[in-house]
Amino acid sequence: MIRGVRFHSTGRKRFHHTFEGELELDYEAFELPANPGPPIDVYTAPPDSASAEALALLASWSVTLLSVDDTEPLG
């Protein structure tokens, strides 16, 4: 249980990704008293959905990019 949350909102938002197209993600927004800035937003894709598959593919791209040795010159 999260304590001290002043504002909590949930719902579903649609996003358009350049390569993966339309993504529908569930979100929860939390406004915390100790955080004077904007709320903390958490986005998740419904299990076994096309959006979950698209996010898994995008995540695999980031792992591939992070594993590349960037100490060698590009040319």
Protein backbone atom coordinates (compact mmCIF):
# COMPACT_ATOMS: atom_id res chain seq x y z
CA MET A 1 0.00 0.00 0.00
CA ILE A 2 1.32 3.44 -0.92
CA ARG A 3 0.85 6.01 1.84
CA GLY A 4 0.74 9.74 1.52
CA VAL A 5 -0.65 9.81 -2.01
CA ARG A 6 -2.76 12.94 -2.53
CA PHE A 7 -3.90 12.25 -6.05
CA HIS A 8 -4.31 8.99 -7.91
CA SER A 9 -5.68 8.59 -11.41
CA THR A 10 -5.94 5.60 -13.69
CA GLY A 11 -6.98 5.01 -17.24
CA ARG A 12 -5.83 4.02 -20.70
CA LYS A 13 -3.97 6.22 -23.18
CA ARG A 14 -3.19 5.79 -26.85
CA PHE A 15 0.24 6.62 -28.22
CA HIS A 16 1.59 6.56 -31.74
CA HIS A 17 5.12 5.16 -32.08
CA THR A 18 7.07 5.82 -35.28
CA PHE A 19 7.90 2.14 -35.85
CA GLU A 20 5.33 0.19 -33.86
CA GLY A 21 2.24 2.26 -34.64
CA GLU A 22 -0.62 2.55 -32.17
CA LEU A 23 0.01 1.51 -28.56
CA GLU A 24 -2.70 1.35 -25.91
CA LEU A 25 -1.22 1.57 -22.44
CA ASP A 26 -2.84 1.51 -19.01
CA TYR A 27 -1.57 4.21 -16.68
CA GLU A 28 -1.57 5.19 -13.05
CA ALA A 29 -0.56 8.69 -12.00
CA PHE A 30 0.55 9.33 -8.42
CA GLU A 31 1.03 12.74 -6.84
CA LEU A 32 3.28 12.36 -3.81
CA PRO A 33 3.44 14.99 -1.05
CA ALA A 34 7.26 14.73 -0.84
CA ASN A 35 7.57 15.37 -4.59
CA PRO A 36 6.68 18.99 -5.42
CA GLY A 37 7.06 18.34 -9.15
CA PRO A 38 4.72 16.67 -11.61
CA PRO A 39 3.03 13.37 -10.75
CA ILE A 40 4.81 10.06 -11.22
CA ASP A 41 3.20 8.23 -14.15
CA VAL A 42 3.45 4.47 -14.56
CA TYR A 43 2.51 2.93 -17.93
CA THR A 44 1.94 -0.77 -18.59
CA ALA A 45 0.56 -2.75 -21.49
CA PRO A 46 -2.23 -5.25 -20.89
CA PRO A 47 -0.78 -8.80 -20.82
CA ASP A 48 -0.87 -10.73 -24.11
CA SER A 49 -1.87 -7.63 -26.08
CA ALA A 50 -0.43 -6.24 -29.29
CA SER A 51 0.89 -3.31 -27.23
CA ALA A 52 2.72 -5.71 -24.89
CA GLU A 53 4.35 -7.39 -27.88
CA ALA A 54 5.34 -4.01 -29.34
CA LEU A 55 6.89 -2.88 -26.03
CA ALA A 56 8.82 -6.15 -25.75
CA LEU A 57 10.21 -5.61 -29.24
CA LEU A 58 11.19 -2.01 -28.42
CA ALA A 59 12.83 -3.18 -25.18
CA SER A 60 14.87 -5.74 -27.11
CA TRP A 61 16.16 -2.95 -29.34
CA SER A 62 17.39 -0.99 -26.33
CA VAL A 63 19.20 -4.04 -24.94
CA THR A 64 20.88 -4.56 -28.30
CA LEU A 65 21.94 -0.91 -28.47
CA LEU A 66 23.26 -0.95 -24.91
CA SER A 67 25.38 -4.04 -25.57
CA VAL A 68 27.23 -2.44 -28.50
CA ASP A 69 30.80 -1.45 -27.65
CA ASP A 70 30.84 2.31 -28.13
CA THR A 71 34.58 2.71 -27.56
CA GLU A 72 35.44 2.04 -31.21
CA PRO A 73 35.25 4.87 -33.78
CA LEU A 74 32.24 4.87 -36.10
CA GLY A 75 34.15 5.53 -39.33
